[in-house]
């Protein structure tokens, strides 16, 4: 599987814009979590309400993308942790699949309740619903339970891990642009599984879906929302300032 070009000269982080399937434009990132020279981080609570390009360090990061669903006051959905700091309050933590990472960046996905944090959690982001669970790909019948949100095509953001837990996949789908409508969650799960992802869940999408690669916005915006949307938080990948301990 070709994962595209290294970002910023880092072979452990690769990016590809994928428009090979008619009506679909996807942006793929693959991060090798075993590389101590790269660091995955989440913006802090005091930055909430900014557009992606305004988060601290987003312009200098190798990659930056939207993360949590959020309320009108930028309260994130599910357990959320930035640099060991637990966000409070949060919405519906008992019903939100999550990724939890400790130091160094070793990450696991929780796709079934109960959802919980450990004392060593350094980063956590939640979303909904699950896309791939123990290799089982979300089906059309699963989408039927939340038809308008799940089965209809929309811009999407999602993340997942391969079977080894070593490689983190981040994917964003463009949509609401005429023939580029977006993806259903079932279709998104299929595309991720084809790239070796065995555990995955959905993050905030729609007009929130946005991606910077080395400070440059690489996604075309929906026709009905051309400006970047203020977000609760952002995931970033950047060179580690010092080796992880």
Protein backbone atom coordinates (compact mmCIF):
# COMPACT_ATOMS: atom_id res chain seq x y z
CA UNK A 1 0.00 0.00 0.00
CA UNK A 2 1.37 3.37 -1.06
CA UNK A 3 0.86 5.89 1.76
CA UNK A 4 2.08 8.88 -0.19
CA UNK A 5 4.99 11.18 0.49
CA UNK A 6 6.90 11.85 3.73
CA UNK A 7 5.85 15.07 5.45
CA UNK A 8 8.69 17.45 6.21
CA UNK A 9 11.23 14.76 5.37
CA UNK A 10 9.92 12.42 8.08
CA UNK A 11 9.49 8.92 6.66
CA UNK A 12 7.39 7.96 9.71
CA UNK A 13 4.64 10.43 8.73
CA UNK A 14 3.16 10.14 5.27
CA UNK A 15 0.41 12.09 3.52
CA UNK A 16 -1.62 11.33 0.41
CA UNK A 17 -4.45 13.10 -1.37
CA UNK A 18 -6.56 10.32 -2.86
CA UNK A 19 -9.08 11.04 -5.62
CA UNK A 20 -8.89 7.70 -7.42
CA UNK A 21 -12.49 6.73 -6.64
CA UNK A 22 -15.17 8.69 -8.58
CA UNK A 23 -16.93 11.25 -6.41
CA UNK A 24 -14.52 10.83 -3.49
CA UNK A 25 -11.59 12.97 -2.33
CA UNK A 26 -9.81 11.65 0.76
CA UNK A 27 -6.75 12.88 2.62
CA UNK A 28 -4.72 10.19 4.36
CA UNK A 29 -2.11 10.53 7.09
CA UNK A 30 -0.19 7.59 8.54
CA UNK A 31 1.94 8.07 11.66
CA UNK A 32 4.39 5.50 13.00
CA UNK A 33 3.84 5.77 16.75
CA UNK A 34 7.16 3.99 17.39
CA UNK A 35 9.13 6.96 16.07
CA UNK A 36 10.32 8.97 19.10
CA UNK A 37 11.20 11.96 16.93
CA UNK A 38 7.52 12.72 16.25
CA UNK A 39 4.89 13.72 18.76
CA UNK A 40 1.08 13.61 18.59
CA UNK A 41 -0.58 16.35 20.65
CA UNK A 42 -3.96 17.97 21.30
CA UNK A 43 -4.57 21.68 21.75
CA UNK A 44 -5.33 22.92 25.25
CA UNK A 45 -8.70 23.99 26.73
CA UNK A 46 -7.82 27.69 26.74
CA UNK A 47 -7.52 27.61 22.91
CA UNK A 48 -11.08 26.45 22.26
CA UNK A 49 -13.14 28.44 19.78
CA UNK A 50 -10.31 29.04 17.30
CA UNK A 51 -10.18 28.08 13.64
CA UNK A 52 -7.64 25.37 12.81
CA UNK A 53 -5.00 27.79 11.55
CA UNK A 54 -5.17 29.80 14.80
CA UNK A 55 -4.31 27.05 17.27
CA UNK A 56 -0.90 27.47 18.89
CA UNK A 57 1.71 25.78 16.75
CA UNK A 58 -0.70 24.69 14.00
CA UNK A 59 1.13 26.62 11.30
CA UNK A 60 4.48 25.11 12.25
CA UNK A 61 3.18 21.57 12.77
CA UNK A 62 3.81 18.85 10.23
CA UNK A 63 0.05 18.20 10.27
CA UNK A 64 -2.94 19.66 12.10
CA UNK A 65 -6.58 18.59 11.89
CA UNK A 66 -9.91 19.01 13.63
CA UNK A 67 -10.81 16.59 16.42
CA UNK A 68 -13.73 16.59 18.90
CA UNK A 69 -17.43 17.08 18.36
CA UNK A 70 -18.46 20.07 20.48
CA UNK A 71 -21.29 22.17 21.86
CA UNK A 72 -22.07 25.81 21.13
CA UNK A 73 -19.72 26.72 23.99
CA UNK A 74 -16.95 24.46 22.55
CA UNK A 75 -17.43 21.79 25.21
CA UNK A 76 -15.99 18.60 23.67
CA UNK A 77 -17.77 15.29 23.42
CA UNK A 78 -16.31 12.46 25.51
CA UNK A 79 -13.23 12.16 27.66
CA UNK A 80 -10.64 14.66 26.46
CA UNK A 81 -7.06 15.09 27.69
CA UNK A 82 -4.36 17.53 26.53
CA UNK A 83 -0.80 17.08 27.85
CA UNK A 84 -2.16 15.21 30.86
CA UNK A 85 -4.82 17.86 31.59
CA UNK A 86 -8.36 16.45 31.69
CA UNK A 87 -10.95 18.75 30.12
CA UNK A 88 -14.02 19.60 32.19
CA UNK A 89 -16.88 19.67 31.56
CA UNK A 90 -17.35 17.26 28.65
CA UNK A 91 -20.48 15.91 26.95
CA UNK A 92 -21.70 12.28 27.09
CA UNK A 93 -18.44 10.60 28.17
CA UNK A 94 -20.28 7.31 28.80
CA UNK A 95 -21.30 7.05 25.14
CA UNK A 96 -18.23 8.19 23.23
CA UNK A 97 -15.52 5.89 21.80
CA UNK A 98 -12.04 7.28 22.36
CA UNK A 99 -8.34 7.06 21.70
CA UNK A 100 -6.10 7.30 24.75
CA UNK A 101 -2.32 7.74 24.56
CA UNK A 102 0.32 7.72 27.26
CA UNK A 103 3.98 8.79 27.25
CA UNK A 104 5.71 7.87 25.01
CA UNK A 105 2.95 7.91 22.43
CA UNK A 106 1.45 4.47 22.87
CA UNK A 107 -2.21 4.64 21.93
CA UNK A 108 -5.21 2.35 22.34
CA UNK A 109 -8.80 2.67 21.14
CA UNK A 110 -11.82 2.04 23.35
CA UNK A 111 -14.80 1.19 21.15
CA UNK A 112 -17.18 -0.35 23.71
CA UNK A 113 -18.30 1.02 27.09
CA UNK A 114 -17.26 1.53 29.78
CA UNK A 115 -14.96 4.30 28.55
CA UNK A 116 -12.32 5.39 31.04
CA UNK A 117 -8.97 7.12 31.44
CA UNK A 118 -5.94 5.83 33.30
CA UNK A 119 -3.68 7.89 35.51
CA UNK A 120 -1.00 7.86 32.81
CA UNK A 121 -3.21 9.20 30.00
CA UNK A 122 -1.36 12.03 28.26
CA UNK A 123 -3.76 12.57 25.37
CA UNK A 124 -7.35 11.51 24.75
CA UNK A 125 -9.92 12.39 22.10
CA UNK A 126 -13.40 10.94 21.70
CA UNK A 127 -15.96 10.75 18.92
CA UNK A 128 -18.89 8.71 17.68
CA UNK A 129 -19.76 6.16 16.39
CA UNK A 130 -17.36 3.24 15.94
CA UNK A 131 -16.29 2.46 12.35
CA UNK A 132 -14.21 -0.72 12.65
CA UNK A 133 -14.20 -2.90 15.76
CA UNK A 134 -11.77 -5.84 16.04
CA UNK A 135 -11.64 -5.96 12.25
CA UNK A 136 -15.45 -5.86 11.86
CA UNK A 137 -16.38 -3.12 9.41
CA UNK A 138 -19.44 -1.01 10.10
CA UNK A 139 -22.26 -2.11 7.81
CA UNK A 140 -25.18 -0.49 6.03
CA UNK A 141 -27.51 -1.82 8.75
CA UNK A 142 -25.42 -0.08 11.41
CA UNK A 143 -25.80 3.22 9.57
CA UNK A 144 -29.58 2.77 9.41
CA UNK A 145 -29.88 3.47 13.14
CA UNK A 146 -28.64 7.04 12.59
CA UNK A 147 -29.59 7.46 8.96
CA UNK A 148 -29.28 11.21 8.39
CA UNK A 149 -25.95 11.48 10.20
CA UNK A 150 -24.46 8.09 9.33
CA UNK A 151 -25.92 6.92 6.01
CA UNK A 152 -25.96 10.24 4.18
CA UNK A 153 -22.71 11.45 2.55
CA UNK A 154 -20.93 14.20 4.49
CA UNK A 155 -17.40 15.54 4.89
CA UNK A 156 -15.71 13.30 7.47
CA UNK A 157 -12.76 13.06 9.85
CA UNK A 158 -11.79 9.76 11.47
CA UNK A 159 -8.90 7.90 13.05
CA UNK A 160 -7.86 4.30 13.55
CA UNK A 161 -5.08 1.86 14.37
CA UNK A 162 -3.74 -1.18 12.57
CA UNK A 163 -3.70 -4.62 14.19
CA UNK A 164 -0.25 -4.06 15.71
CA UNK A 165 -1.23 -0.71 17.25
CA UNK A 166 1.91 0.79 15.75
CA UNK A 167 0.41 2.84 12.92
CA UNK A 168 -2.16 5.57 13.47
CA UNK A 169 -4.28 6.40 10.43
CA UNK A 170 -6.03 9.77 10.16
CA UNK A 171 -8.39 10.35 7.25
CA UNK A 172 -10.47 13.31 6.13
CA UNK A 173 -13.04 13.24 3.33
CA UNK A 174 -14.09 16.30 1.38
CA UNK A 175 -17.80 16.84 0.72
CA UNK A 176 -20.76 19.14 0.08
CA UNK A 177 -19.07 20.25 -3.14
CA UNK A 178 -21.40 19.25 -5.96
CA UNK A 179 -20.33 15.80 -7.20
CA UNK A 180 -17.98 15.46 -4.20
CA UNK A 181 -20.76 14.86 -1.66
CA UNK A 182 -18.73 13.11 1.04
CA UNK A 183 -18.95 9.60 2.47
CA UNK A 184 -21.37 7.59 4.55
CA UNK A 185 -19.84 6.09 7.68
CA UNK A 186 -20.12 2.60 6.20
CA UNK A 187 -18.17 3.70 3.13
CA UNK A 188 -15.59 5.50 5.26
CA UNK A 189 -15.08 2.34 7.31
CA UNK A 190 -14.64 0.30 4.12
CA UNK A 191 -11.98 2.66 2.84
CA UNK A 192 -10.09 2.55 6.14
CA UNK A 193 -10.26 -1.24 6.38
CA UNK A 194 -8.80 -1.49 2.87
CA UNK A 195 -5.73 0.28 4.25
CA UNK A 196 -5.23 -2.17 7.08
CA UNK A 197 -7.09 -0.35 9.85
CA UNK A 198 -8.69 -2.78 12.32
CA UNK A 199 -9.96 -0.36 15.01
CA UNK A 200 -11.50 3.03 14.18
CA UNK A 201 -14.08 5.63 15.11
CA UNK A 202 -15.55 8.81 13.67
CA UNK A 203 -14.55 12.32 14.73
CA UNK A 204 -16.37 15.59 14.06
CA UNK A 205 -16.97 16.18 10.37
CA UNK A 206 -19.09 18.37 8.13
CA UNK A 207 -17.82 21.93 8.09
CA UNK A 208 -15.42 21.10 10.93
CA UNK A 209 -13.31 18.78 8.76
CA UNK A 210 -10.09 20.62 8.02
CA UNK A 211 -6.43 19.73 7.54
CA UNK A 212 -3.16 21.64 7.44
CA UNK A 213 0.01 20.05 6.07
CA UNK A 214 3.07 22.09 7.07
CA UNK A 215 0.81 25.09 7.61
CA UNK A 216 -0.97 24.82 4.26
CA UNK A 217 -4.69 24.09 4.02
CA UNK A 218 -5.00 21.12 1.65
CA UNK A 219 -8.77 20.47 1.64
CA UNK A 220 -11.33 22.17 -0.56
CA UNK A 221 -14.13 23.60 1.58
CA UNK A 222 -17.87 22.80 1.31
CA UNK A 223 -19.71 25.16 -1.02
CA UNK A 224 -22.02 26.21 1.85
CA UNK A 225 -19.19 26.97 4.32
CA UNK A 226 -16.13 28.32 2.60
CA UNK A 227 -14.41 29.73 5.71
CA UNK A 228 -12.77 27.58 8.36
CA UNK A 229 -15.08 26.82 11.27
CA UNK A 230 -14.11 27.58 14.91
CA UNK A 231 -13.35 24.31 16.71
CA UNK A 232 -13.11 22.94 20.23
CA UNK A 233 -9.64 21.52 19.66
CA UNK A 234 -7.14 20.21 17.13
CA UNK A 235 -4.80 17.25 16.83
CA UNK A 236 -1.26 18.06 15.73
CA UNK A 237 1.79 16.07 14.71
CA UNK A 238 5.12 17.79 15.12
CA UNK A 239 8.78 16.97 15.69
CA UNK A 240 9.42 16.03 19.32
CA UNK A 241 11.44 18.67 21.14
CA UNK A 242 13.31 15.93 22.97
CA UNK A 243 13.27 12.12 22.91
CA UNK A 244 10.16 10.71 24.59
CA UNK A 245 10.78 9.14 27.99
